[in-house]
Each structure stands twice: as C-alpha cells, then as structure tokens.
Amino acid sequence: MGVGISWDNLAGSVSKTGAMGIISCVGTGYYQKSAFVQKAVKSR
C-alpha cells in the first residue's frame, strides 16, 4: 500500500511474525520527507 502506508515499519513488522510483509515502491521519494531525493518542488 502506497504512498508510504507499507514501508519499513509495517512490512518489516509483518514479516517478523512469519507472515509476508510487502513494501510499496510507490512514491518512495516522500520517505523521511524527501530526504533522499536530488530535487523536490515544494517538498514534492
């Protein structure tokens, strides 16, 4: 689920239980408020 619904905390926690955690690859540029992008426009 994206943007940012199932990232590290949710997916990691699900996989930890023995079920299957799935990381959404949609909109990863928003992760930690765009800390990992080369260019943003008004935080997008």
Full PDB file with SEQRES, HELIX, SHEET, SSBOND, CRYST1, ORIGX, SCALE, CONECT and MASTER records, all heavy atoms in Angstrom:
SEQRES   1 A   44  MET GLY VAL GLY ILE SER TRP ASP ASN LEU ALA GLY SER          
SEQRES   2 A   44  VAL SER LYS THR GLY ALA MET GLY ILE ILE SER CYS VAL          
SEQRES   3 A   44  GLY THR GLY TYR TYR GLN LYS SER ALA PHE VAL GLN LYS          
SEQRES   4 A   44  ALA VAL LYS SER ARG                                          
HELIX    1 AA1 ASP A    8  THR A   17  1                                  10    
HELIX    2 AA2 THR A   28  TYR A   30  5                                   3    
CRYST1    1.000    1.000    1.000  90.00  90.00  90.00 P 1           1          
ORIGX1      1.000000  0.000000  0.000000        0.00000                         
ORIGX2      0.000000  1.000000  0.000000        0.00000                         
ORIGX3      0.000000  0.000000  1.000000        0.00000                         
SCALE1      1.000000  0.000000  0.000000        0.00000                         
SCALE2      0.000000  1.000000  0.000000        0.00000                         
SCALE3      0.000000  0.000000  1.000000        0.00000                         
ATOM      1  N   MET A   1       0.835  -1.210   0.000  1.00  0.00           N  
ATOM      2  CA  MET A   1       0.000   0.000   0.000  1.00  0.00           C  
ATOM      3  C   MET A   1       0.862   1.250   0.000  1.00  0.00           C  
ATOM      4  O   MET A   1       1.715   1.442   0.850  1.00  0.00           O  
ATOM      5  CB  MET A   1      -0.920  -0.015   1.226  1.00  0.00           C  
ATOM      6  CG  MET A   1      -1.880  -1.205   1.260  1.00  0.00           C  
ATOM      7  SD  MET A   1      -2.792  -1.321   2.819  1.00  0.00           S  
ATOM      8  CE  MET A   1      -1.520  -1.989   3.924  1.00  0.00           C  
ATOM      9  N   GLY A   2       0.627   2.112  -0.976  1.00  0.00           N  
ATOM     10  CA  GLY A   2       1.388   3.346  -1.070  1.00  0.00           C  
ATOM     11  C   GLY A   2       0.453   4.519  -1.291  1.00  0.00           C  
ATOM     12  O   GLY A   2      -0.719   4.325  -1.570  1.00  0.00           O  
ATOM     13  N   VAL A   3       0.949   5.727  -1.122  1.00  0.00           N  
ATOM     14  CA  VAL A   3       2.319   6.110  -0.813  1.00  0.00           C  
ATOM     15  C   VAL A   3       2.553   5.969   0.701  1.00  0.00           C  
ATOM     16  O   VAL A   3       1.794   6.517   1.492  1.00  0.00           O  
ATOM     17  CB  VAL A   3       2.563   7.573  -1.243  1.00  0.00           C  
ATOM     18  CG1 VAL A   3       3.896   8.095  -0.727  1.00  0.00           C  
ATOM     19  CG2 VAL A   3       2.493   7.717  -2.748  1.00  0.00           C  
ATOM     20  N   GLY A   4       3.564   5.240   1.077  1.00  0.00           N  
ATOM     21  CA  GLY A   4       4.038   5.271   2.443  1.00  0.00           C  
ATOM     22  C   GLY A   4       3.195   4.571   3.472  1.00  0.00           C  
ATOM     23  O   GLY A   4       3.422   4.732   4.672  1.00  0.00           O  
ATOM     24  N   ILE A   5       2.213   3.757   3.065  1.00  0.00           N  
ATOM     25  CA  ILE A   5       1.422   3.034   4.048  1.00  0.00           C  
ATOM     26  C   ILE A   5       2.182   1.799   4.506  1.00  0.00           C  
ATOM     27  O   ILE A   5       2.292   1.525   5.701  1.00  0.00           O  
ATOM     28  CB  ILE A   5       0.042   2.669   3.471  1.00  0.00           C  
ATOM     29  CG1 ILE A   5      -0.719   3.937   3.091  1.00  0.00           C  
ATOM     30  CG2 ILE A   5      -0.762   1.854   4.480  1.00  0.00           C  
ATOM     31  CD1 ILE A   5      -1.983   3.675   2.286  1.00  0.00           C  
ATOM     32  N   SER A   6       2.717   1.050   3.549  1.00  0.00           N  
ATOM     33  CA  SER A   6       3.510  -0.134   3.910  1.00  0.00           C  
ATOM     34  C   SER A   6       4.952   0.058   3.460  1.00  0.00           C  
ATOM     35  O   SER A   6       5.321  -0.295   2.339  1.00  0.00           O  
ATOM     36  CB  SER A   6       2.906  -1.404   3.295  1.00  0.00           C  
ATOM     37  OG  SER A   6       2.850  -1.337   1.885  1.00  0.00           O  
ATOM     38  N   TRP A   7       5.719   0.662   4.342  1.00  0.00           N  
ATOM     39  CA  TRP A   7       7.153   0.794   4.137  1.00  0.00           C  
ATOM     40  C   TRP A   7       7.888  -0.023   5.193  1.00  0.00           C  
ATOM     41  O   TRP A   7       7.458  -1.132   5.510  1.00  0.00           O  
ATOM     42  CB  TRP A   7       7.565   2.284   4.114  1.00  0.00           C  
ATOM     43  CG  TRP A   7       7.323   2.903   2.759  1.00  0.00           C  
ATOM     44  CD1 TRP A   7       7.054   2.253   1.593  1.00  0.00           C  
ATOM     45  CD2 TRP A   7       7.314   4.305   2.448  1.00  0.00           C  
ATOM     46  NE1 TRP A   7       6.898   3.157   0.564  1.00  0.00           N  
ATOM     47  CE2 TRP A   7       7.048   4.415   1.047  1.00  0.00           C  
ATOM     48  CE3 TRP A   7       7.509   5.474   3.185  1.00  0.00           C  
ATOM     49  CZ2 TRP A   7       6.979   5.633   0.388  1.00  0.00           C  
ATOM     50  CZ3 TRP A   7       7.433   6.692   2.521  1.00  0.00           C  
ATOM     51  CH2 TRP A   7       7.172   6.780   1.146  1.00  0.00           C  
ATOM     52  N   ASP A   8       8.965   0.459   5.742  1.00  0.00           N  
ATOM     53  CA  ASP A   8       9.804  -0.378   6.592  1.00  0.00           C  
ATOM     54  C   ASP A   8       9.113  -0.859   7.873  1.00  0.00           C  
ATOM     55  O   ASP A   8       9.210  -2.026   8.243  1.00  0.00           O  
ATOM     56  CB  ASP A   8      11.119   0.334   6.939  1.00  0.00           C  
ATOM     57  CG  ASP A   8      10.935   1.804   7.294  1.00  0.00           C  
ATOM     58  OD1 ASP A   8       9.797   2.226   7.603  1.00  0.00           O  
ATOM     59  OD2 ASP A   8      11.934   2.541   7.242  1.00  0.00           O  
ATOM     60  N   ASN A   9       8.396   0.020   8.550  1.00  0.00           N  
ATOM     61  CA  ASN A   9       7.840  -0.347   9.846  1.00  0.00           C  
ATOM     62  C   ASN A   9       6.735  -1.395   9.710  1.00  0.00           C  
ATOM     63  O   ASN A   9       6.754  -2.419  10.403  1.00  0.00           O  
ATOM     64  CB  ASN A   9       7.306   0.902  10.554  1.00  0.00           C  
ATOM     65  CG  ASN A   9       7.105   0.692  12.041  1.00  0.00           C  
ATOM     66  OD1 ASN A   9       7.761  -0.141  12.658  1.00  0.00           O  
ATOM     67  ND2 ASN A   9       6.191   1.434  12.628  1.00  0.00           N  
ATOM     68  N   LEU A  10       5.775  -1.152   8.810  1.00  0.00           N  
ATOM     69  CA  LEU A  10       4.671  -2.103   8.655  1.00  0.00           C  
ATOM     70  C   LEU A  10       5.143  -3.405   8.019  1.00  0.00           C  
ATOM     71  O   LEU A  10       4.919  -4.489   8.570  1.00  0.00           O  
ATOM     72  CB  LEU A  10       3.545  -1.489   7.816  1.00  0.00           C  
ATOM     73  CG  LEU A  10       2.337  -2.406   7.573  1.00  0.00           C  
ATOM     74  CD1 LEU A  10       1.735  -2.901   8.879  1.00  0.00           C  
ATOM     75  CD2 LEU A  10       1.288  -1.704   6.727  1.00  0.00           C  
ATOM     76  N   ALA A  11       5.794  -3.319   6.872  1.00  0.00           N  
ATOM     77  CA  ALA A  11       6.209  -4.538   6.170  1.00  0.00           C  
ATOM     78  C   ALA A  11       7.201  -5.344   7.000  1.00  0.00           C  
ATOM     79  O   ALA A  11       7.103  -6.578   7.079  1.00  0.00           O  
ATOM     80  CB  ALA A  11       6.819  -4.188   4.814  1.00  0.00           C  
ATOM     81  N   GLY A  12       8.148  -4.666   7.635  1.00  0.00           N  
ATOM     82  CA  GLY A  12       9.112  -5.364   8.474  1.00  0.00           C  
ATOM     83  C   GLY A  12       8.444  -6.063   9.649  1.00  0.00           C  
ATOM     84  O   GLY A  12       8.784  -7.198   9.990  1.00  0.00           O  
ATOM     85  N   SER A  13       7.463  -5.403  10.238  1.00  0.00           N  
ATOM     86  CA  SER A  13       6.759  -5.976  11.395  1.00  0.00           C  
ATOM     87  C   SER A  13       5.919  -7.178  10.999  1.00  0.00           C  
ATOM     88  O   SER A  13       5.826  -8.162  11.746  1.00  0.00           O  
ATOM     89  CB  SER A  13       5.868  -4.909  12.053  1.00  0.00           C  
ATOM     90  OG  SER A  13       6.653  -3.846  12.557  1.00  0.00           O  
ATOM     91  N   VAL A  14       5.289  -7.126   9.806  1.00  0.00           N  
ATOM     92  CA  VAL A  14       4.501  -8.266   9.333  1.00  0.00           C  
ATOM     93  C   VAL A  14       5.410  -9.461   9.066  1.00  0.00           C  
ATOM     94  O   VAL A  14       5.122 -10.589   9.478  1.00  0.00           O  
ATOM     95  CB  VAL A  14       3.690  -7.895   8.084  1.00  0.00           C  
ATOM     96  CG1 VAL A  14       3.028  -9.137   7.480  1.00  0.00           C  
ATOM     97  CG2 VAL A  14       2.622  -6.859   8.424  1.00  0.00           C  
ATOM     98  N   SER A  15       6.517  -9.229   8.364  1.00  0.00           N  
ATOM     99  CA  SER A  15       7.437 -10.334   8.074  1.00  0.00           C  
ATOM    100  C   SER A  15       8.029 -10.934   9.347  1.00  0.00           C  
ATOM    101  O   SER A  15       8.278 -12.141   9.416  1.00  0.00           O  
ATOM    102  CB  SER A  15       8.555  -9.869   7.143  1.00  0.00           C  
ATOM    103  OG  SER A  15       8.123  -9.859   5.800  1.00  0.00           O  
ATOM    104  N   LYS A  16       8.220 -10.114  10.334  1.00  0.00           N  
ATOM    105  CA  LYS A  16       8.766 -10.601  11.609  1.00  0.00           C  
ATOM    106  C   LYS A  16       7.870 -11.664  12.234  1.00  0.00           C  
ATOM    107  O   LYS A  16       8.346 -12.604  12.877  1.00  0.00           O  
ATOM    108  CB  LYS A  16       8.945  -9.431  12.580  1.00  0.00           C  
ATOM    109  CG  LYS A  16       9.551  -9.825  13.926  1.00  0.00           C  
ATOM    110  CD  LYS A  16       9.670  -8.603  14.834  1.00  0.00           C  
ATOM    111  CE  LYS A  16      10.238  -9.005  16.198  1.00  0.00           C  
ATOM    112  NZ  LYS A  16      10.332  -7.825  17.106  1.00  0.00           N  
ATOM    113  N   THR A  17       6.551 -11.559  12.026  1.00  0.00           N  
ATOM    114  CA  THR A  17       5.607 -12.510  12.626  1.00  0.00           C  
ATOM    115  C   THR A  17       5.594 -13.857  11.921  1.00  0.00           C  
ATOM    116  O   THR A  17       5.041 -14.825  12.436  1.00  0.00           O  
ATOM    117  CB  THR A  17       4.170 -11.956  12.601  1.00  0.00           C  
ATOM    118  OG1 THR A  17       3.692 -11.933  11.244  1.00  0.00           O  
ATOM    119  CG2 THR A  17       4.083 -10.574  13.217  1.00  0.00           C  
ATOM    120  N   GLY A  18       6.168 -13.913  10.710  1.00  0.00           N  
ATOM    121  CA  GLY A  18       6.088 -15.133   9.910  1.00  0.00           C  
ATOM    122  C   GLY A  18       5.103 -15.038   8.781  1.00  0.00           C  
ATOM    123  O   GLY A  18       4.993 -15.948   7.952  1.00  0.00           O  
ATOM    124  N   ALA A  19       4.342 -13.950   8.718  1.00  0.00           N  
ATOM    125  CA  ALA A  19       3.503 -13.660   7.550  1.00  0.00           C  
ATOM    126  C   ALA A  19       4.373 -12.943   6.518  1.00  0.00           C  
ATOM    127  O   ALA A  19       5.581 -12.794   6.703  1.00  0.00           O  
ATOM    128  CB  ALA A  19       2.294 -12.824   7.957  1.00  0.00           C  
ATOM    129  N   MET A  20       3.777 -12.460   5.434  1.00  0.00           N  
ATOM    130  CA  MET A  20       4.553 -11.881   4.339  1.00  0.00           C  
ATOM    131  C   MET A  20       4.380 -10.371   4.289  1.00  0.00           C  
ATOM    132  O   MET A  20       3.321  -9.863   3.922  1.00  0.00           O  
ATOM    133  CB  MET A  20       4.102 -12.499   3.008  1.00  0.00           C  
ATOM    134  CG  MET A  20       4.932 -12.051   1.823  1.00  0.00           C  
ATOM    135  SD  MET A  20       6.617 -12.675   1.926  1.00  0.00           S  
ATOM    136  CE  MET A  20       7.416 -11.580   0.764  1.00  0.00           C  
ATOM    137  N   GLY A  21       5.417  -9.641   4.667  1.00  0.00           N  
ATOM    138  CA  GLY A  21       5.408  -8.193   4.591  1.00  0.00           C  
ATOM    139  C   GLY A  21       5.801  -7.723   3.201  1.00  0.00           C  
ATOM    140  O   GLY A  21       6.729  -8.267   2.598  1.00  0.00           O  
ATOM    141  N   ILE A  22       5.094  -6.727   2.698  1.00  0.00           N  
ATOM    142  CA  ILE A  22       5.337  -6.239   1.343  1.00  0.00           C  
ATOM    143  C   ILE A  22       5.526  -4.729   1.362  1.00  0.00           C  
ATOM    144  O   ILE A  22       4.656  -3.989   1.820  1.00  0.00           O  
ATOM    145  CB  ILE A  22       4.180  -6.617   0.404  1.00  0.00           C  
ATOM    146  CG1 ILE A  22       4.061  -8.145   0.316  1.00  0.00           C  
ATOM    147  CG2 ILE A  22       4.393  -6.026  -0.983  1.00  0.00           C  
ATOM    148  CD1 ILE A  22       2.838  -8.616  -0.434  1.00  0.00           C  
ATOM    149  N   ILE A  23       6.659  -4.293   0.858  1.00  0.00           N  
ATOM    150  CA  ILE A  23       6.996  -2.872   0.783  1.00  0.00           C  
ATOM    151  C   ILE A  23       6.446  -2.283  -0.508  1.00  0.00           C  
ATOM    152  O   ILE A  23       6.698  -2.811  -1.598  1.00  0.00           O  
ATOM    153  CB  ILE A  23       8.521  -2.676   0.857  1.00  0.00           C  
ATOM    154  CG1 ILE A  23       9.026  -3.003   2.267  1.00  0.00           C  
ATOM    155  CG2 ILE A  23       8.924  -1.253   0.437  1.00  0.00           C  
ATOM    156  CD1 ILE A  23      10.536  -3.111   2.377  1.00  0.00           C  
ATOM    157  N   SER A  24       5.693  -1.204  -0.397  1.00  0.00           N  
ATOM    158  CA  SER A  24       5.226  -0.496  -1.589  1.00  0.00           C  
ATOM    159  C   SER A  24       6.369   0.351  -2.147  1.00  0.00           C  
ATOM    160  O   SER A  24       7.017   1.114  -1.418  1.00  0.00           O  
ATOM    161  CB  SER A  24       4.041   0.402  -1.254  1.00  0.00           C  
ATOM    162  OG  SER A  24       3.773   1.275  -2.335  1.00  0.00           O  
ATOM    163  N   CYS A  25       6.591   0.230  -3.446  1.00  0.00           N  
ATOM    164  CA  CYS A  25       7.647   1.007  -4.105  1.00  0.00           C  
ATOM    165  C   CYS A  25       7.134   2.318  -4.681  1.00  0.00           C  
ATOM    166  O   CYS A  25       7.880   3.034  -5.351  1.00  0.00           O  
ATOM    167  CB  CYS A  25       8.297   0.175  -5.201  1.00  0.00           C  
ATOM    168  SG  CYS A  25       9.155  -1.295  -4.582  1.00  0.00           S  
ATOM    169  N   VAL A  26       5.880   2.640  -4.426  1.00  0.00           N  
ATOM    170  CA  VAL A  26       5.285   3.872  -4.948  1.00  0.00           C  
ATOM    171  C   VAL A  26       5.650   5.066  -4.068  1.00  0.00           C  
ATOM    172  O   VAL A  26       5.492   5.031  -2.853  1.00  0.00           O  
ATOM    173  CB  VAL A  26       3.749   3.747  -5.023  1.00  0.00           C  
ATOM    174  CG1 VAL A  26       3.117   5.075  -5.403  1.00  0.00           C  
ATOM    175  CG2 VAL A  26       3.361   2.674  -6.031  1.00  0.00           C  
ATOM    176  N   GLY A  27       6.149   6.114  -4.702  1.00  0.00           N  
ATOM    177  CA  GLY A  27       6.360   7.377  -4.003  1.00  0.00           C  
ATOM    178  C   GLY A  27       7.427   7.354  -2.935  1.00  0.00           C  
ATOM    179  O   GLY A  27       7.362   8.117  -1.959  1.00  0.00           O  
ATOM    180  N   THR A  28       8.453   6.528  -3.115  1.00  0.00           N  
ATOM    181  CA  THR A  28       9.500   6.422  -2.100  1.00  0.00           C  
ATOM    182  C   THR A  28      10.236   7.750  -1.887  1.00  0.00           C  
ATOM    183  O   THR A  28      10.873   7.945  -0.854  1.00  0.00           O  
ATOM    184  CB  THR A  28      10.517   5.332  -2.480  1.00  0.00           C  
ATOM    185  OG1 THR A  28      10.946   5.539  -3.835  1.00  0.00           O  
ATOM    186  CG2 THR A  28       9.884   3.959  -2.368  1.00  0.00           C  
ATOM    187  N   GLY A  29      10.110   8.649  -2.847  1.00  0.00           N  
ATOM    188  CA  GLY A  29      10.729   9.958  -2.686  1.00  0.00           C  
ATOM    189  C   GLY A  29      10.177  10.761  -1.517  1.00  0.00           C  
ATOM    190  O   GLY A  29      10.808  11.714  -1.059  1.00  0.00           O  
ATOM    191  N   TYR A  30       9.001  10.376  -1.017  1.00  0.00           N  
ATOM    192  CA  TYR A  30       8.434  11.038   0.156  1.00  0.00           C  
ATOM    193  C   TYR A  30       9.023  10.521   1.466  1.00  0.00           C  
ATOM    194  O   TYR A  30       8.796  11.112   2.517  1.00  0.00           O  
ATOM    195  CB  TYR A  30       6.920  10.851   0.197  1.00  0.00           C  
ATOM    196  CG  TYR A  30       6.153  11.849  -0.640  1.00  0.00           C  
ATOM    197  CD1 TYR A  30       5.768  11.544  -1.937  1.00  0.00           C  
ATOM    198  CD2 TYR A  30       5.819  13.102  -0.137  1.00  0.00           C  
ATOM    199  CE1 TYR A  30       5.060  12.455  -2.718  1.00  0.00           C  
ATOM    200  CE2 TYR A  30       5.121  14.020  -0.905  1.00  0.00           C  
ATOM    201  CZ  TYR A  30       4.740  13.692  -2.193  1.00  0.00           C  
ATOM    202  OH  TYR A  30       4.047  14.600  -2.945  1.00  0.00           O  
ATOM    203  N   TYR A  31       9.743   9.406   1.405  1.00  0.00           N  
ATOM    204  CA  TYR A  31      10.262   8.778   2.627  1.00  0.00           C  
ATOM    205  C   TYR A  31      11.126   9.764   3.408  1.00  0.00           C  
ATOM    206  O   TYR A  31      12.008  10.419   2.856  1.00  0.00           O  
ATOM    207  CB  TYR A  31      11.076   7.541   2.252  1.00  0.00           C  
ATOM    208  CG  TYR A  31      11.605   6.758   3.423  1.00  0.00           C  
ATOM    209  CD1 TYR A  31      10.748   6.118   4.308  1.00  0.00           C  
ATOM    210  CD2 TYR A  31      12.974   6.645   3.640  1.00  0.00           C  
ATOM    211  CE1 TYR A  31      11.236   5.379   5.367  1.00  0.00           C  
ATOM    212  CE2 TYR A  31      13.469   5.903   4.699  1.00  0.00           C  
ATOM    213  CZ  TYR A  31      12.600   5.280   5.572  1.00  0.00           C  
ATOM    214  OH  TYR A  31      13.095   4.558   6.632  1.00  0.00           O  
ATOM    215  N   GLN A  32      10.864   9.853   4.678  1.00  0.00           N  
ATOM    216  CA  GLN A  32      11.566  10.794   5.565  1.00  0.00           C  
ATOM    217  C   GLN A  32      11.559  12.214   4.984  1.00  0.00           C  
ATOM    218  O   GLN A  32      12.571  12.921   4.977  1.00  0.00           O  
ATOM    219  CB  GLN A  32      12.984  10.308   5.842  1.00  0.00           C  
ATOM    220  CG  GLN A  32      13.013   9.001   6.635  1.00  0.00           C  
ATOM    221  CD  GLN A  32      14.416   8.542   7.004  1.00  0.00           C  
ATOM    222  OE1 GLN A  32      15.404   9.234   6.755  1.00  0.00           O  
ATOM    223  NE2 GLN A  32      14.500   7.382   7.614  1.00  0.00           N  
ATOM    224  N   LYS A  33      10.363  12.576   4.468  1.00  0.00           N  
ATOM    225  CA  LYS A  33      10.123  13.925   3.949  1.00  0.00           C  
ATOM    226  C   LYS A  33      11.140  14.345   2.883  1.00  0.00           C  
ATOM    227  O   LYS A  33      11.782  15.389   2.969  1.00  0.00           O  
ATOM    228  CB  LYS A  33      10.087  14.930   5.094  1.00  0.00           C  
ATOM    229  CG  LYS A  33       8.943  14.679   6.068  1.00  0.00           C  
ATOM    230  CD  LYS A  33       8.864  15.732   7.151  1.00  0.00           C  
ATOM    231  CE  LYS A  33       7.679  15.454   8.069  1.00  0.00           C  
ATOM    232  NZ  LYS A  33       7.571  16.444   9.163  1.00  0.00           N  
ATOM    233  N   SER A  34      11.299  13.484   1.897  1.00  0.00           N  
ATOM    234  CA  SER A  34      12.125  13.763   0.712  1.00  0.00           C  
ATOM    235  C   SER A  34      13.614  13.875   1.010  1.00  0.00           C  
ATOM    236  O   SER A  34      14.362  14.473   0.245  1.00  0.00           O  
ATOM    237  CB  SER A  34      11.640  15.043   0.000  1.00  0.00           C  
ATOM    238  OG  SER A  34      10.283  14.947  -0.342  1.00  0.00           O  
ATOM    239  N   ALA A  35      14.040  13.253   2.091  1.00  0.00           N  
ATOM    240  CA  ALA A  35      15.449  13.355   2.471  1.00  0.00           C  
ATOM    241  C   ALA A  35      16.384  12.682   1.471  1.00  0.00           C  
ATOM    242  O   ALA A  35      17.581  12.970   1.448  1.00  0.00           O  
ATOM    243  CB  ALA A  35      15.656  12.737   3.857  1.00  0.00           C  
ATOM    244  N   PHE A  36      15.849  11.805   0.620  1.00  0.00           N  
ATOM    245  CA  PHE A  36      16.707  11.014  -0.259  1.00  0.00           C  
ATOM    246  C   PHE A  36      16.604  11.407  -1.731  1.00  0.00           C  
ATOM    247  O   PHE A  36      17.131  10.715  -2.588  1.00  0.00           O  
ATOM    248  CB  PHE A  36      16.375   9.518  -0.106  1.00  0.00           C  
ATOM    249  CG  PHE A  36      16.754   8.973   1.235  1.00  0.00           C  
ATOM    250  CD1 PHE A  36      15.866   9.043   2.294  1.00  0.00           C  
ATOM    251  CD2 PHE A  36      18.001   8.414   1.455  1.00  0.00           C  
ATOM    252  CE1 PHE A  36      16.203   8.554   3.545  1.00  0.00           C  
ATOM    253  CE2 PHE A  36      18.355   7.925   2.700  1.00  0.00           C  
ATOM    254  CZ  PHE A  36      17.459   7.991   3.749  1.00  0.00           C  
ATOM    255  N   VAL A  37      15.915  12.506  -2.037  1.00  0.00           N  
ATOM    256  CA  VAL A  37      15.764  12.879  -3.440  1.00  0.00           C  
ATOM    257  C   VAL A  37      16.739  13.987  -3.818  1.00  0.00           C  
ATOM    258  O   VAL A  37      17.159  14.785  -2.979  1.00  0.00           O  
ATOM    259  CB  VAL A  37      14.317  13.322  -3.768  1.00  0.00           C  
ATOM    260  CG1 VAL A  37      13.328  12.234  -3.373  1.00  0.00           C  
ATOM    261  CG2 VAL A  37      13.960  14.623  -3.095  1.00  0.00           C  
ATOM    262  N   GLN A  38      17.076  14.002  -5.098  1.00  0.00           N  
ATOM    263  CA  GLN A  38      18.012  15.012  -5.597  1.00  0.00           C  
ATOM    264  C   GLN A  38      17.327  16.353  -5.827  1.00  0.00           C  
ATOM    265  O   GLN A  38      17.933  17.402  -5.688  1.00  0.00           O  
ATOM    266  CB  GLN A  38      18.631  14.522  -6.918  1.00  0.00           C  
ATOM    267  CG  GLN A  38      19.449  13.250  -6.778  1.00  0.00           C  
ATOM    268  CD  GLN A  38      20.605  13.406  -5.810  1.00  0.00           C  
ATOM    269  OE1 GLN A  38      21.370  14.365  -5.881  1.00  0.00           O  
ATOM    270  NE2 GLN A  38      20.729  12.457  -4.889  1.00  0.00           N  
ATOM    271  N   LYS A  39      16.021  16.287  -6.177  1.00  0.00           N  
ATOM    272  CA  LYS A  39      15.317  17.537  -6.432  1.00  0.00           C  
ATOM    273  C   LYS A  39      13.857  17.407  -6.022  1.00  0.00           C  
ATOM    274  O   LYS A  39      13.199  16.414  -6.325  1.00  0.00           O  
ATOM    275  CB  LYS A  39      15.397  17.916  -7.916  1.00  0.00           C  
ATOM    276  CG  LYS A  39      14.794  19.293  -8.224  1.00  0.00           C  
ATOM    277  CD  LYS A  39      14.987  19.673  -9.675  1.00  0.00           C  
ATOM    278  CE  LYS A  39      14.396  21.060  -9.959  1.00  0.00           C  
ATOM    279  NZ  LYS A  39      14.539  21.443 -11.386  1.00  0.00           N  
ATOM    280  N   ALA A  40      13.367  18.413  -5.317  1.00  0.00           N  
ATOM    281  CA  ALA A  40      11.964  18.465  -4.910  1.00  0.00           C  
ATOM    282  C   ALA A  40      11.414  19.854  -5.216  1.00  0.00           C  
ATOM    283  O   ALA A  40      12.155  20.837  -5.236  1.00  0.00           O  
ATOM    284  CB  ALA A  40      11.812  18.153  -3.425  1.00  0.00           C  
ATOM    285  N   VAL A  41      10.118  19.916  -5.465  1.00  0.00           N  
ATOM    286  CA  VAL A  41       9.434  21.188  -5.676  1.00  0.00           C  
ATOM    287  C   VAL A  41       8.374  21.326  -4.593  1.00  0.00           C  
ATOM    288  O   VAL A  41       7.412  20.558  -4.556  1.00  0.00           O  
ATOM    289  CB  VAL A  41       8.790  21.244  -7.080  1.00  0.00           C  
ATOM    290  CG1 VAL A  41       7.994  22.527  -7.236  1.00  0.00           C  
ATOM    291  CG2 VAL A  41       9.858  21.133  -8.156  1.00  0.00           C  
ATOM    292  N   LYS A  42       8.593  22.281  -3.684  1.00  0.00           N  
ATOM    293  CA  LYS A  42       7.685  22.471  -2.543  1.00  0.00           C  
ATOM    294  C   LYS A  42       7.456  21.154  -1.812  1.00  0.00           C  
ATOM    295  O   LYS A  42       6.332  20.743  -1.531  1.00  0.00           O  
ATOM    296  CB  LYS A  42       6.372  23.087  -3.002  1.00  0.00           C  
ATOM    297  CG  LYS A  42       6.525  24.502  -3.550  1.00  0.00           C  
ATOM    298  CD  LYS A  42       5.184  25.109  -3.937  1.00  0.00           C  
ATOM    299  CE  LYS A  42       5.376  26.538  -4.445  1.00  0.00           C  
ATOM    300  NZ  LYS A  42       4.073  27.151  -4.866  1.00  0.00           N  
ATOM    301  N   SER A  43       8.536  20.457  -1.524  1.00  0.00           N  
ATOM    302  CA  SER A  43       8.555  19.186  -0.783  1.00  0.00           C  
ATOM    303  C   SER A  43       7.981  18.007  -1.558  1.00  0.00           C  
ATOM    304  O   SER A  43       7.843  16.918  -1.012  1.00  0.00           O  
ATOM    305  CB  SER A  43       7.819  19.328   0.558  1.00  0.00           C  
ATOM    306  OG  SER A  43       8.457  20.286   1.370  1.00  0.00           O  
ATOM    307  N   ARG A  44       7.671  18.188  -2.833  1.00  0.00           N  
ATOM    308  CA  ARG A  44       7.218  17.071  -3.665  1.00  0.00           C  
ATOM    309  C   ARG A  44       8.372  16.567  -4.516  1.00  0.00           C  
ATOM    310  O   ARG A  44       9.053  17.370  -5.164  1.00  0.00           O  
ATOM    311  CB  ARG A  44       6.054  17.502  -4.567  1.00  0.00           C  
ATOM    312  CG  ARG A  44       4.839  17.991  -3.808  1.00  0.00           C  
ATOM    313  CD  ARG A  44       3.594  17.944  -4.698  1.00  0.00           C  
ATOM    314  NE  ARG A  44       2.449  18.567  -4.046  1.00  0.00           N  
ATOM    315  CZ  ARG A  44       1.730  18.002  -3.093  1.00  0.00           C  
ATOM    316  NH1 ARG A  44       2.058  16.804  -2.654  1.00  0.00           N  
ATOM    317  NH2 ARG A  44       0.688  18.635  -2.562  1.00  0.00           N  
TER     318      ARG A  44                                                      
MASTER        0    0    0    2    0    0    0    6  317    1    0    4          
END                                                                             
